[in-house]
Amino acid sequence: MRIRGHIGDWPVDLTLELEPAEWAQLGGQLAAVTPVASSAAAVPVARADDALWQAARDVLRQAGQLNGPELLEHLEGLAGNVAAGKRLLVRLRHSAEVKVESGADAPVYHWIG
């Protein structure tokens, strides 16, 4: 096996030579790792932002309707920063539980559940 590339500014040209028994040993070690990884992946993991998403939905649900800037202000406070608030706003915009209408100055978000 030959590996070529760079590490920073340094060129790398590495050749690995393994005997058939060494390849088999390496393959056996990889096969032993694979079932552990696939079984770990099968366990459902709760998304870290599920509670935040639920709270964002609750803000709009309880209000019934909010214009975009008001909703964004609530979401920024909830999420702790502007970027996370905007991500929640986009997620609400695309949610089947929310209807967005064009308002005079800003979109209006309606909870339709």
PDB file of N, CA and C in Angstrom:
ATOM      1  N   MET A   1       0.856  -1.152   0.000  1.00  0.00           N
ATOM      2  CA  MET A   1       0.000   0.000   0.000  1.00  0.00           C
ATOM      3  C   MET A   1       0.910   1.226   0.000  1.00  0.00           C
ATOM      4  N   ARG A   2       0.591   2.193  -0.847  1.00  0.00           N
ATOM      5  CA  ARG A   2       1.399   3.406  -0.933  1.00  0.00           C
ATOM      6  C   ARG A   2       0.538   4.609  -0.571  1.00  0.00           C
ATOM      7  N   ILE A   3       1.061   5.445   0.292  1.00  0.00           N
ATOM      8  CA  ILE A   3       0.359   6.642   0.734  1.00  0.00           C
ATOM      9  C   ILE A   3       1.208   7.849   0.354  1.00  0.00           C
ATOM     10  N   ARG A   4       0.602   8.752  -0.409  1.00  0.00           N
ATOM     11  CA  ARG A   4       1.296   9.976  -0.806  1.00  0.00           C
ATOM     12  C   ARG A   4       0.471  11.182  -0.389  1.00  0.00           C
ATOM     13  N   GLY A   5       1.161  12.255  -0.053  1.00  0.00           N
ATOM     14  CA  GLY A   5       0.470  13.475   0.319  1.00  0.00           C
ATOM     15  C   GLY A   5       1.411  14.437   0.990  1.00  0.00           C
ATOM     16  N   HIS A   6       0.850  15.293   1.806  1.00  0.00           N
ATOM     17  CA  HIS A   6       1.635  16.290   2.525  1.00  0.00           C
ATOM     18  C   HIS A   6       1.158  16.370   3.965  1.00  0.00           C
ATOM     19  N   ILE A   7       2.100  16.600   4.845  1.00  0.00           N
ATOM     20  CA  ILE A   7       1.799  16.951   6.223  1.00  0.00           C
ATOM     21  C   ILE A   7       2.367  18.348   6.385  1.00  0.00           C
ATOM     22  N   GLY A   8       1.465  19.325   6.353  1.00  0.00           N
ATOM     23  CA  GLY A   8       1.920  20.713   6.325  1.00  0.00           C
ATOM     24  C   GLY A   8       2.662  20.948   5.032  1.00  0.00           C
ATOM     25  N   ASP A   9       3.885  21.416   5.125  1.00  0.00           N
ATOM     26  CA  ASP A   9       4.713  21.666   3.935  1.00  0.00           C
ATOM     27  C   ASP A   9       5.571  20.464   3.560  1.00  0.00           C
ATOM     28  N   TRP A  10       5.558  19.431   4.366  1.00  0.00           N
ATOM     29  CA  TRP A  10       6.423  18.291   4.142  1.00  0.00           C
ATOM     30  C   TRP A  10       5.746  17.252   3.256  1.00  0.00           C
ATOM     31  N   PRO A  11       6.426  16.844   2.182  1.00  0.00           N
ATOM     32  CA  PRO A  11       5.857  15.788   1.346  1.00  0.00           C
ATOM     33  C   PRO A  11       5.992  14.426   2.039  1.00  0.00           C
ATOM     34  N   VAL A  12       4.982  13.590   1.827  1.00  0.00           N
ATOM     35  CA  VAL A  12       4.983  12.258   2.411  1.00  0.00           C
ATOM     36  C   VAL A  12       4.825  11.242   1.288  1.00  0.00           C
ATOM     37  N   ASP A  13       5.700  10.247   1.288  1.00  0.00           N
ATOM     38  CA  ASP A  13       5.599   9.138   0.348  1.00  0.00           C
ATOM     39  C   ASP A  13       5.930   7.893   1.154  1.00  0.00           C
ATOM     40  N   LEU A  14       4.874   7.177   1.567  1.00  0.00           N
ATOM     41  CA  LEU A  14       5.026   6.060   2.489  1.00  0.00           C
ATOM     42  C   LEU A  14       4.549   4.778   1.815  1.00  0.00           C
ATOM     43  N   THR A  15       5.338   3.749   1.912  1.00  0.00           N
ATOM     44  CA  THR A  15       4.959   2.448   1.378  1.00  0.00           C
ATOM     45  C   THR A  15       4.868   1.452   2.525  1.00  0.00           C
ATOM     46  N   LEU A  16       3.727   0.790   2.632  1.00  0.00           N
ATOM     47  CA  LEU A  16       3.523  -0.247   3.633  1.00  0.00           C
ATOM     48  C   LEU A  16       3.468  -1.587   2.926  1.00  0.00           C
ATOM     49  N   GLU A  17       4.256  -2.501   3.413  1.00  0.00           N
ATOM     50  CA  GLU A  17       4.234  -3.845   2.855  1.00  0.00           C
ATOM     51  C   GLU A  17       3.836  -4.815   3.955  1.00  0.00           C
ATOM     52  N   LEU A  18       2.745  -5.532   3.732  1.00  0.00           N
ATOM     53  CA  LEU A  18       2.264  -6.500   4.708  1.00  0.00           C
ATOM     54  C   LEU A  18       2.194  -7.872   4.060  1.00  0.00           C
ATOM     55  N   GLU A  19       2.516  -8.867   4.824  1.00  0.00           N
ATOM     56  CA  GLU A  19       2.378 -10.251   4.385  1.00  0.00           C
ATOM     57  C   GLU A  19       0.894 -10.614   4.419  1.00  0.00           C
ATOM     58  N   PRO A  20       0.470 -11.643   3.685  1.00  0.00           N
ATOM     59  CA  PRO A  20      -0.935 -12.050   3.702  1.00  0.00           C
ATOM     60  C   PRO A  20      -1.471 -12.313   5.108  1.00  0.00           C
ATOM     61  N   ALA A  21      -0.681 -12.888   5.975  1.00  0.00           N
ATOM     62  CA  ALA A  21      -1.127 -13.148   7.348  1.00  0.00           C
ATOM     63  C   ALA A  21      -1.353 -11.832   8.108  1.00  0.00           C
ATOM     64  N   GLU A  22      -0.519 -10.835   7.828  1.00  0.00           N
ATOM     65  CA  GLU A  22      -0.675  -9.536   8.483  1.00  0.00           C
ATOM     66  C   GLU A  22      -1.946  -8.828   7.990  1.00  0.00           C
ATOM     67  N   TRP A  23      -2.226  -8.937   6.684  1.00  0.00           N
ATOM     68  CA  TRP A  23      -3.473  -8.373   6.144  1.00  0.00           C
ATOM     69  C   TRP A  23      -4.678  -9.044   6.795  1.00  0.00           C
ATOM     70  N   ALA A  24      -4.615 -10.363   6.957  1.00  0.00           N
ATOM     71  CA  ALA A  24      -5.714 -11.093   7.584  1.00  0.00           C
ATOM     72  C   ALA A  24      -5.899 -10.655   9.037  1.00  0.00           C
ATOM     73  N   GLN A  25      -4.786 -10.463   9.733  1.00  0.00           N
ATOM     74  CA  GLN A  25      -4.868 -10.012  11.125  1.00  0.00           C
ATOM     75  C   GLN A  25      -5.480  -8.609  11.194  1.00  0.00           C
ATOM     76  N   LEU A  26      -5.069  -7.732  10.308  1.00  0.00           N
ATOM     77  CA  LEU A  26      -5.621  -6.382  10.270  1.00  0.00           C
ATOM     78  C   LEU A  26      -7.115  -6.422   9.941  1.00  0.00           C
ATOM     79  N   GLY A  27      -7.484  -7.239   8.980  1.00  0.00           N
ATOM     80  CA  GLY A  27      -8.893  -7.389   8.625  1.00  0.00           C
ATOM     81  C   GLY A  27      -9.715  -7.949   9.768  1.00  0.00           C
ATOM     82  N   GLY A  28      -9.156  -8.873  10.517  1.00  0.00           N
ATOM     83  CA  GLY A  28      -9.853  -9.442  11.670  1.00  0.00           C
ATOM     84  C   GLY A  28     -10.088  -8.400  12.755  1.00  0.00           C
ATOM     85  N   GLN A  29      -9.134  -7.517  12.953  1.00  0.00           N
ATOM     86  CA  GLN A  29      -9.300  -6.463  13.944  1.00  0.00           C
ATOM     87  C   GLN A  29     -10.374  -5.475  13.505  1.00  0.00           C
ATOM     88  N   LEU A  30     -10.427  -5.165  12.230  1.00  0.00           N
ATOM     89  CA  LEU A  30     -11.462  -4.257  11.725  1.00  0.00           C
ATOM     90  C   LEU A  30     -12.841  -4.888  11.823  1.00  0.00           C
ATOM     91  N   ALA A  31     -12.943  -6.185  11.540  1.00  0.00           N
ATOM     92  CA  ALA A  31     -14.227  -6.876  11.629  1.00  0.00           C
ATOM     93  C   ALA A  31     -14.719  -6.926  13.074  1.00  0.00           C
ATOM     94  N   ALA A  32     -13.798  -7.040  14.012  1.00  0.00           N
ATOM     95  CA  ALA A  32     -14.190  -7.074  15.428  1.00  0.00           C
ATOM     96  C   ALA A  32     -14.737  -5.723  15.879  1.00  0.00           C
ATOM     97  N   VAL A  33     -14.271  -4.643  15.283  1.00  0.00           N
ATOM     98  CA  VAL A  33     -14.733  -3.300  15.655  1.00  0.00           C
ATOM     99  C   VAL A  33     -16.076  -2.994  15.016  1.00  0.00           C
ATOM    100  N   THR A  34     -16.330  -3.472  13.828  1.00  0.00           N
ATOM    101  CA  THR A  34     -17.541  -3.131  13.084  1.00  0.00           C
ATOM    102  C   THR A  34     -18.834  -3.472  13.809  1.00  0.00           C
ATOM    103  N   PRO A  35     -19.021  -4.688  14.384  1.00  0.00           N
ATOM    104  CA  PRO A  35     -20.285  -4.953  15.066  1.00  0.00           C
ATOM    105  C   PRO A  35     -20.539  -4.022  16.248  1.00  0.00           C
ATOM    106  N   VAL A  36     -19.505  -3.640  16.967  1.00  0.00           N
ATOM    107  CA  VAL A  36     -19.683  -2.736  18.093  1.00  0.00           C
ATOM    108  C   VAL A  36     -20.179  -1.394  17.592  1.00  0.00           C
ATOM    109  N   ALA A  37     -19.585  -0.898  16.517  1.00  0.00           N
ATOM    110  CA  ALA A  37     -19.987   0.398  15.979  1.00  0.00           C
ATOM    111  C   ALA A  37     -21.414   0.349  15.453  1.00  0.00           C
ATOM    112  N   SER A  38     -21.782  -0.731  14.752  1.00  0.00           N
ATOM    113  CA  SER A  38     -23.132  -0.789  14.205  1.00  0.00           C
ATOM    114  C   SER A  38     -24.177  -0.979  15.297  1.00  0.00           C
ATOM    115  N   SER A  39     -23.858  -1.715  16.349  1.00  0.00           N
ATOM    116  CA  SER A  39     -24.834  -1.868  17.429  1.00  0.00           C
ATOM    117  C   SER A  39     -24.987  -0.567  18.205  1.00  0.00           C
ATOM    118  N   ALA A  40     -23.903   0.194  18.344  1.00  0.00           N
ATOM    119  CA  ALA A  40     -23.995   1.491  19.020  1.00  0.00           C
ATOM    120  C   ALA A  40     -24.812   2.455  18.182  1.00  0.00           C
ATOM    121  N   ALA A  41     -24.681   2.367  16.868  1.00  0.00           N
ATOM    122  CA  ALA A  41     -25.439   3.251  15.992  1.00  0.00           C
ATOM    123  C   ALA A  41     -26.924   2.902  16.009  1.00  0.00           C
ATOM    124  N   ALA A  42     -27.251   1.665  16.327  1.00  0.00           N
ATOM    125  CA  ALA A  42     -28.647   1.243  16.331  1.00  0.00           C
ATOM    126  C   ALA A  42     -29.403   1.777  17.545  1.00  0.00           C
ATOM    127  N   VAL A  43     -28.684   2.165  18.589  1.00  0.00           N
ATOM    128  CA  VAL A  43     -29.328   2.699  19.779  1.00  0.00           C
ATOM    129  C   VAL A  43     -29.748   4.126  19.490  1.00  0.00           C
ATOM    130  N   PRO A  44     -31.037   4.434  19.629  1.00  0.00           N
ATOM    131  CA  PRO A  44     -31.456   5.806  19.346  1.00  0.00           C
ATOM    132  C   PRO A  44     -30.851   6.788  20.341  1.00  0.00           C
ATOM    133  N   VAL A  45     -30.332   7.870  19.806  1.00  0.00           N
ATOM    134  CA  VAL A  45     -29.719   8.905  20.633  1.00  0.00           C
ATOM    135  C   VAL A  45     -30.577  10.153  20.506  1.00  0.00           C
ATOM    136  N   ALA A  46     -31.008  10.696  21.632  1.00  0.00           N
ATOM    137  CA  ALA A  46     -31.820  11.908  21.606  1.00  0.00           C
ATOM    138  C   ALA A  46     -30.957  13.066  21.129  1.00  0.00           C
ATOM    139  N   ARG A  47     -31.479  13.849  20.224  1.00  0.00           N
ATOM    140  CA  ARG A  47     -30.758  15.011  19.740  1.00  0.00           C
ATOM    141  C   ARG A  47     -30.657  16.025  20.866  1.00  0.00           C
ATOM    142  N   ALA A  48     -29.507  16.660  20.919  1.00  0.00           N
ATOM    143  CA  ALA A  48     -29.263  17.623  21.985  1.00  0.00           C
ATOM    144  C   ALA A  48     -30.223  18.800  21.910  1.00  0.00           C
ATOM    145  N   ASP A  49     -30.706  19.107  20.701  1.00  0.00           N
ATOM    146  CA  ASP A  49     -31.568  20.276  20.575  1.00  0.00           C
ATOM    147  C   ASP A  49     -33.055  19.933  20.598  1.00  0.00           C
ATOM    148  N   ASP A  50     -33.430  18.699  20.933  1.00  0.00           N
ATOM    149  CA  ASP A  50     -34.848  18.336  20.983  1.00  0.00           C
ATOM    150  C   ASP A  50     -35.619  19.166  22.005  1.00  0.00           C
ATOM    151  N   ALA A  51     -35.048  19.390  23.164  1.00  0.00           N
ATOM    152  CA  ALA A  51     -35.729  20.185  24.189  1.00  0.00           C
ATOM    153  C   ALA A  51     -35.865  21.629  23.736  1.00  0.00           C
ATOM    154  N   LEU A  52     -34.844  22.155  23.077  1.00  0.00           N
ATOM    155  CA  LEU A  52     -34.885  23.515  22.551  1.00  0.00           C
ATOM    156  C   LEU A  52     -35.926  23.641  21.450  1.00  0.00           C
ATOM    157  N   TRP A  53     -35.999  22.642  20.577  1.00  0.00           N
ATOM    158  CA  TRP A  53     -37.001  22.627  19.511  1.00  0.00           C
ATOM    159  C   TRP A  53     -38.406  22.585  20.101  1.00  0.00           C
ATOM    160  N   GLN A  54     -38.606  21.779  21.108  1.00  0.00           N
ATOM    161  CA  GLN A  54     -39.919  21.695  21.759  1.00  0.00           C
ATOM    162  C   GLN A  54     -40.287  23.035  22.382  1.00  0.00           C
ATOM    163  N   ALA A  55     -39.312  23.690  23.012  1.00  0.00           N
ATOM    164  CA  ALA A  55     -39.564  24.990  23.634  1.00  0.00           C
ATOM    165  C   ALA A  55     -39.897  26.045  22.577  1.00  0.00           C
ATOM    166  N   ALA A  56     -39.229  25.998  21.430  1.00  0.00           N
ATOM    167  CA  ALA A  56     -39.514  26.941  20.341  1.00  0.00           C
ATOM    168  C   ALA A  56     -40.939  26.741  19.818  1.00  0.00           C
ATOM    169  N   ARG A  57     -41.332  25.490  19.669  1.00  0.00           N
ATOM    170  CA  ARG A  57     -42.701  25.187  19.226  1.00  0.00           C
ATOM    171  C   ARG A  57     -43.708  25.703  20.252  1.00  0.00           C
ATOM    172  N   ASP A  58     -43.394  25.532  21.541  1.00  0.00           N
ATOM    173  CA  ASP A  58     -44.295  25.985  22.607  1.00  0.00           C
ATOM    174  C   ASP A  58     -44.474  27.495  22.602  1.00  0.00           C
ATOM    175  N   VAL A  59     -43.400  28.238  22.294  1.00  0.00           N
ATOM    176  CA  VAL A  59     -43.495  29.699  22.240  1.00  0.00           C
ATOM    177  C   VAL A  59     -44.547  30.112  21.217  1.00  0.00           C
ATOM    178  N   LEU A  60     -44.478  29.548  20.019  1.00  0.00           N
ATOM    179  CA  LEU A  60     -45.434  29.916  18.972  1.00  0.00           C
ATOM    180  C   LEU A  60     -46.816  29.350  19.273  1.00  0.00           C
ATOM    181  N   ARG A  61     -46.860  28.139  19.791  1.00  0.00           N
ATOM    182  CA  ARG A  61     -48.162  27.520  20.106  1.00  0.00           C
ATOM    183  C   ARG A  61     -48.915  28.357  21.131  1.00  0.00           C
ATOM    184  N   GLN A  62     -48.229  28.790  22.171  1.00  0.00           N
ATOM    185  CA  GLN A  62     -48.878  29.568  23.220  1.00  0.00           C
ATOM    186  C   GLN A  62     -49.292  30.958  22.731  1.00  0.00           C
ATOM    187  N   ALA A  63     -48.500  31.545  21.841  1.00  0.00           N
ATOM    188  CA  ALA A  63     -48.833  32.868  21.318  1.00  0.00           C
ATOM    189  C   ALA A  63     -49.929  32.789  20.259  1.00  0.00           C
ATOM    190  N   GLY A  64     -49.989  31.668  19.556  1.00  0.00           N
ATOM    191  CA  GLY A  64     -50.958  31.531  18.469  1.00  0.00           C
ATOM    192  C   GLY A  64     -50.414  32.076  17.170  1.00  0.00           C
ATOM    193  N   GLN A  65     -49.922  33.303  17.200  1.00  0.00           N
ATOM    194  CA  GLN A  65     -49.265  33.896  16.038  1.00  0.00           C
ATOM    195  C   GLN A  65     -48.306  34.982  16.493  1.00  0.00           C
ATOM    196  N   LEU A  66     -47.210  35.120  15.768  1.00  0.00           N
ATOM    197  CA  LEU A  66     -46.213  36.161  16.039  1.00  0.00           C
ATOM    198  C   LEU A  66     -45.613  36.599  14.711  1.00  0.00           C
ATOM    199  N   ASN A  67     -45.247  37.880  14.631  1.00  0.00           N
ATOM    200  CA  ASN A  67     -44.545  38.284  13.418  1.00  0.00           C
ATOM    201  C   ASN A  67     -43.089  37.847  13.533  1.00  0.00           C
ATOM    202  N   GLY A  68     -42.401  37.792  12.411  1.00  0.00           N
ATOM    203  CA  GLY A  68     -41.039  37.263  12.353  1.00  0.00           C
ATOM    204  C   GLY A  68     -40.071  37.874  13.346  1.00  0.00           C
ATOM    205  N   PRO A  69     -39.969  39.227  13.414  1.00  0.00           N
ATOM    206  CA  PRO A  69     -39.012  39.813  14.355  1.00  0.00           C
ATOM    207  C   PRO A  69     -39.327  39.504  15.824  1.00  0.00           C
ATOM    208  N   GLU A  70     -40.607  39.494  16.186  1.00  0.00           N
ATOM    209  CA  GLU A  70     -40.972  39.159  17.573  1.00  0.00           C
ATOM    210  C   GLU A  70     -40.620  37.712  17.886  1.00  0.00           C
ATOM    211  N   LEU A  71     -40.945  36.824  16.954  1.00  0.00           N
ATOM    212  CA  LEU A  71     -40.648  35.405  17.153  1.00  0.00           C
ATOM    213  C   LEU A  71     -39.143  35.185  17.244  1.00  0.00           C
ATOM    214  N   LEU A  72     -38.393  35.843  16.364  1.00  0.00           N
ATOM    215  CA  LEU A  72     -36.939  35.699  16.386  1.00  0.00           C
ATOM    216  C   LEU A  72     -36.371  36.185  17.722  1.00  0.00           C
ATOM    217  N   GLU A  73     -36.907  37.267  18.243  1.00  0.00           N
ATOM    218  CA  GLU A  73     -36.447  37.784  19.534  1.00  0.00           C
ATOM    219  C   GLU A  73     -36.669  36.750  20.644  1.00  0.00           C
ATOM    220  N   HIS A  74     -37.844  36.118  20.646  1.00  0.00           N
ATOM    221  CA  HIS A  74     -38.122  35.061  21.634  1.00  0.00           C
ATOM    222  C   HIS A  74     -37.158  33.888  21.463  1.00  0.00           C
ATOM    223  N   LEU A  75     -36.935  33.491  20.207  1.00  0.00           N
ATOM    224  CA  LEU A  75     -36.084  32.331  19.937  1.00  0.00           C
ATOM    225  C   LEU A  75     -34.624  32.605  20.279  1.00  0.00           C
ATOM    226  N   GLU A  76     -34.163  33.822  20.032  1.00  0.00           N
ATOM    227  CA  GLU A  76     -32.787  34.180  20.397  1.00  0.00           C
ATOM    228  C   GLU A  76     -32.600  34.092  21.907  1.00  0.00           C
ATOM    229  N   GLY A  77     -33.586  34.588  22.654  1.00  0.00           N
ATOM    230  CA  GLY A  77     -33.512  34.496  24.107  1.00  0.00           C
ATOM    231  C   GLY A  77     -33.522  33.062  24.588  1.00  0.00           C
ATOM    232  N   LEU A  78     -34.320  32.262  23.931  1.00  0.00           N
ATOM    233  CA  LEU A  78     -34.434  30.849  24.286  1.00  0.00           C
ATOM    234  C   LEU A  78     -33.148  30.096  23.979  1.00  0.00           C
ATOM    235  N   ALA A  79     -32.584  30.339  22.783  1.00  0.00           N
ATOM    236  CA  ALA A  79     -31.403  29.604  22.331  1.00  0.00           C
ATOM    237  C   ALA A  79     -30.105  30.158  22.892  1.00  0.00           C
ATOM    238  N   GLY A  80     -30.106  31.433  23.256  1.00  0.00           N
ATOM    239  CA  GLY A  80     -28.906  32.003  23.833  1.00  0.00           C
ATOM    240  C   GLY A  80     -28.035  32.766  22.859  1.00  0.00           C
ATOM    241  N   ASN A  81     -28.326  32.681  21.558  1.00  0.00           N
ATOM    242  CA  ASN A  81     -27.562  33.477  20.592  1.00  0.00           C
ATOM    243  C   ASN A  81     -28.366  33.640  19.301  1.00  0.00           C
ATOM    244  N   VAL A  82     -27.942  34.591  18.485  1.00  0.00           N
ATOM    245  CA  VAL A  82     -28.667  34.944  17.266  1.00  0.00           C
ATOM    246  C   VAL A  82     -28.691  33.784  16.269  1.00  0.00           C
ATOM    247  N   ALA A  83     -27.547  33.144  16.049  1.00  0.00           N
ATOM    248  CA  ALA A  83     -27.462  32.080  15.044  1.00  0.00           C
ATOM    249  C   ALA A  83     -28.392  30.915  15.385  1.00  0.00           C
ATOM    250  N   ALA A  84     -28.403  30.501  16.627  1.00  0.00           N
ATOM    251  CA  ALA A  84     -29.274  29.391  17.032  1.00  0.00           C
ATOM    252  C   ALA A  84     -30.735  29.802  16.942  1.00  0.00           C
ATOM    253  N   GLY A  85     -31.036  31.055  17.265  1.00  0.00           N
ATOM    254  CA  GLY A  85     -32.407  31.553  17.129  1.00  0.00           C
ATOM    255  C   GLY A  85     -32.866  31.529  15.684  1.00  0.00           C
ATOM    256  N   LYS A  86     -31.985  31.927  14.768  1.00  0.00           N
ATOM    257  CA  LYS A  86     -32.332  31.909  13.340  1.00  0.00           C
ATOM    258  C   LYS A  86     -32.546  30.487  12.842  1.00  0.00           C
ATOM    259  N   ARG A  87     -31.736  29.541  13.327  1.00  0.00           N
ATOM    260  CA  ARG A  87     -31.927  28.138  12.922  1.00  0.00           C
ATOM    261  C   ARG A  87     -33.294  27.632  13.369  1.00  0.00           C
ATOM    262  N   LEU A  88     -33.698  28.002  14.579  1.00  0.00           N
ATOM    263  CA  LEU A  88     -35.020  27.598  15.065  1.00  0.00           C
ATOM    264  C   LEU A  88     -36.128  28.251  14.237  1.00  0.00           C
ATOM    265  N   LEU A  89     -35.933  29.502  13.859  1.00  0.00           N
ATOM    266  CA  LEU A  89     -36.923  30.207  13.043  1.00  0.00           C
ATOM    267  C   LEU A  89     -37.093  29.522  11.693  1.00  0.00           C
ATOM    268  N   VAL A  90     -35.987  29.140  11.071  1.00  0.00           N
ATOM    269  CA  VAL A  90     -36.049  28.433   9.785  1.00  0.00           C
ATOM    270  C   VAL A  90     -36.735  27.092   9.957  1.00  0.00           C
ATOM    271  N   ARG A  91     -36.417  26.406  11.041  1.00  0.00           N
ATOM    272  CA  ARG A  91     -37.045  25.108  11.291  1.00  0.00           C
ATOM    273  C   ARG A  91     -38.545  25.256  11.488  1.00  0.00           C
ATOM    274  N   LEU A  92     -38.969  26.310  12.193  1.00  0.00           N
ATOM    275  CA  LEU A  92     -40.403  26.569  12.354  1.00  0.00           C
ATOM    276  C   LEU A  92     -41.053  26.895  11.011  1.00  0.00           C
ATOM    277  N   ARG A  93     -40.355  27.691  10.203  1.00  0.00           N
ATOM    278  CA  ARG A  93     -40.893  28.071   8.886  1.00  0.00           C
ATOM    279  C   ARG A  93     -41.220  26.837   8.049  1.00  0.00           C
ATOM    280  N   HIS A  94     -40.419  25.806   8.171  1.00  0.00           N
ATOM    281  CA  HIS A  94     -40.599  24.597   7.357  1.00  0.00           C
ATOM    282  C   HIS A  94     -41.390  23.509   8.078  1.00  0.00           C
ATOM    283  N   SER A  95     -41.869  23.788   9.259  1.00  0.00           N
ATOM    284  CA  SER A  95     -42.635  22.800  10.013  1.00  0.00           C
ATOM    285  C   SER A  95     -44.057  22.707   9.477  1.00  0.00           C
ATOM    286  N   ALA A  96     -44.594  21.506   9.459  1.00  0.00           N
ATOM    287  CA  ALA A  96     -45.976  21.290   9.025  1.00  0.00           C
ATOM    288  C   ALA A  96     -46.974  21.869  10.029  1.00  0.00           C
ATOM    289  N   GLU A  97     -46.512  22.169  11.238  1.00  0.00           N
ATOM    290  CA  GLU A  97     -47.379  22.706  12.285  1.00  0.00           C
ATOM    291  C   GLU A  97     -47.488  24.232  12.232  1.00  0.00           C
ATOM    292  N   VAL A  98     -46.773  24.845  11.302  1.00  0.00           N
ATOM    293  CA  VAL A  98     -46.707  26.304  11.234  1.00  0.00           C
ATOM    294  C   VAL A  98     -47.085  26.775   9.831  1.00  0.00           C
ATOM    295  N   LYS A  99     -47.891  27.826   9.801  1.00  0.00           N
ATOM    296  CA  LYS A  99     -48.246  28.466   8.539  1.00  0.00           C
ATOM    297  C   LYS A  99     -47.626  29.854   8.555  1.00  0.00           C
ATOM    298  N   VAL A 100     -46.951  30.233   7.480  1.00  0.00           N
ATOM    299  CA  VAL A 100     -46.309  31.536   7.390  1.00  0.00           C
ATOM    300  C   VAL A 100     -47.021  32.348   6.322  1.00  0.00           C
ATOM    301  N   GLU A 101     -47.462  33.539   6.713  1.00  0.00           N
ATOM    302  CA  GLU A 101     -48.118  34.453   5.774  1.00  0.00           C
ATOM    303  C   GLU A 101     -47.284  35.718   5.642  1.00  0.00           C
ATOM    304  N   SER A 102     -47.374  36.349   4.493  1.00  0.00           N
ATOM    305  CA  SER A 102     -46.695  37.626   4.307  1.00  0.00           C
ATOM    306  C   SER A 102     -47.483  38.714   5.008  1.00  0.00           C
ATOM    307  N   GLY A 103     -46.833  39.407   5.918  1.00  0.00           N
ATOM    308  CA  GLY A 103     -47.456  40.536   6.598  1.00  0.00           C
ATOM    309  C   GLY A 103     -47.060  41.825   5.901  1.00  0.00           C
ATOM    310  N   ALA A 104     -47.542  42.948   6.405  1.00  0.00           N
ATOM    311  CA  ALA A 104     -47.228  44.236   5.805  1.00  0.00           C
ATOM    312  C   ALA A 104     -45.724  44.517   5.853  1.00  0.00           C
ATOM    313  N   ASP A 105     -45.104  44.274   6.999  1.00  0.00           N
ATOM    314  CA  ASP A 105     -43.678  44.562   7.156  1.00  0.00           C
ATOM    315  C   ASP A 105     -42.820  43.319   7.347  1.00  0.00           C
ATOM    316  N   ALA A 106     -43.433  42.245   7.809  1.00  0.00           N
ATOM    317  CA  ALA A 106     -42.675  41.035   8.134  1.00  0.00           C
ATOM    318  C   ALA A 106     -43.596  39.830   8.032  1.00  0.00           C
ATOM    319  N   PRO A 107     -43.022  38.635   7.836  1.00  0.00           N
ATOM    320  CA  PRO A 107     -43.863  37.441   7.805  1.00  0.00           C
ATOM    321  C   PRO A 107     -44.529  37.217   9.159  1.00  0.00           C
ATOM    322  N   VAL A 108     -45.715  36.611   9.115  1.00  0.00           N
ATOM    323  CA  VAL A 108     -46.453  36.295  10.336  1.00  0.00           C
ATOM    324  C   VAL A 108     -46.520  34.775  10.451  1.00  0.00           C
ATOM    325  N   TYR A 109     -46.075  34.267  11.592  1.00  0.00           N
ATOM    326  CA  TYR A 109     -46.046  32.832  11.857  1.00  0.00           C
ATOM    327  C   TYR A 109     -47.282  32.463  12.652  1.00  0.00           C
ATOM    328  N   HIS A 110     -48.068  31.486  12.135  1.00  0.00           N
ATOM    329  CA  HIS A 110     -49.286  31.030  12.802  1.00  0.00           C
ATOM    330  C   HIS A 110     -49.101  29.580  13.228  1.00  0.00           C
ATOM    331  N   TRP A 111     -49.479  29.247  14.445  1.00  0.00           N
ATOM    332  CA  TRP A 111     -49.466  27.859  14.912  1.00  0.00           C
ATOM    333  C   TRP A 111     -50.752  27.195  14.422  1.00  0.00           C
ATOM    334  N   ILE A 112     -50.611  26.122  13.662  1.00  0.00           N
ATOM    335  CA  ILE A 112     -51.792  25.386  13.195  1.00  0.00           C
ATOM    336  C   ILE A 112     -51.842  23.996  13.783  1.00  0.00           C
ATOM    337  N   GLY A 113     -50.768  23.617  14.471  1.00  0.00           N
ATOM    338  CA  GLY A 113     -50.723  22.341  15.168  1.00  0.00           C
ATOM    339  C   GLY A 113     -50.822  21.212  14.251  1.00  0.00           C
TER     340      GLY A 113
END
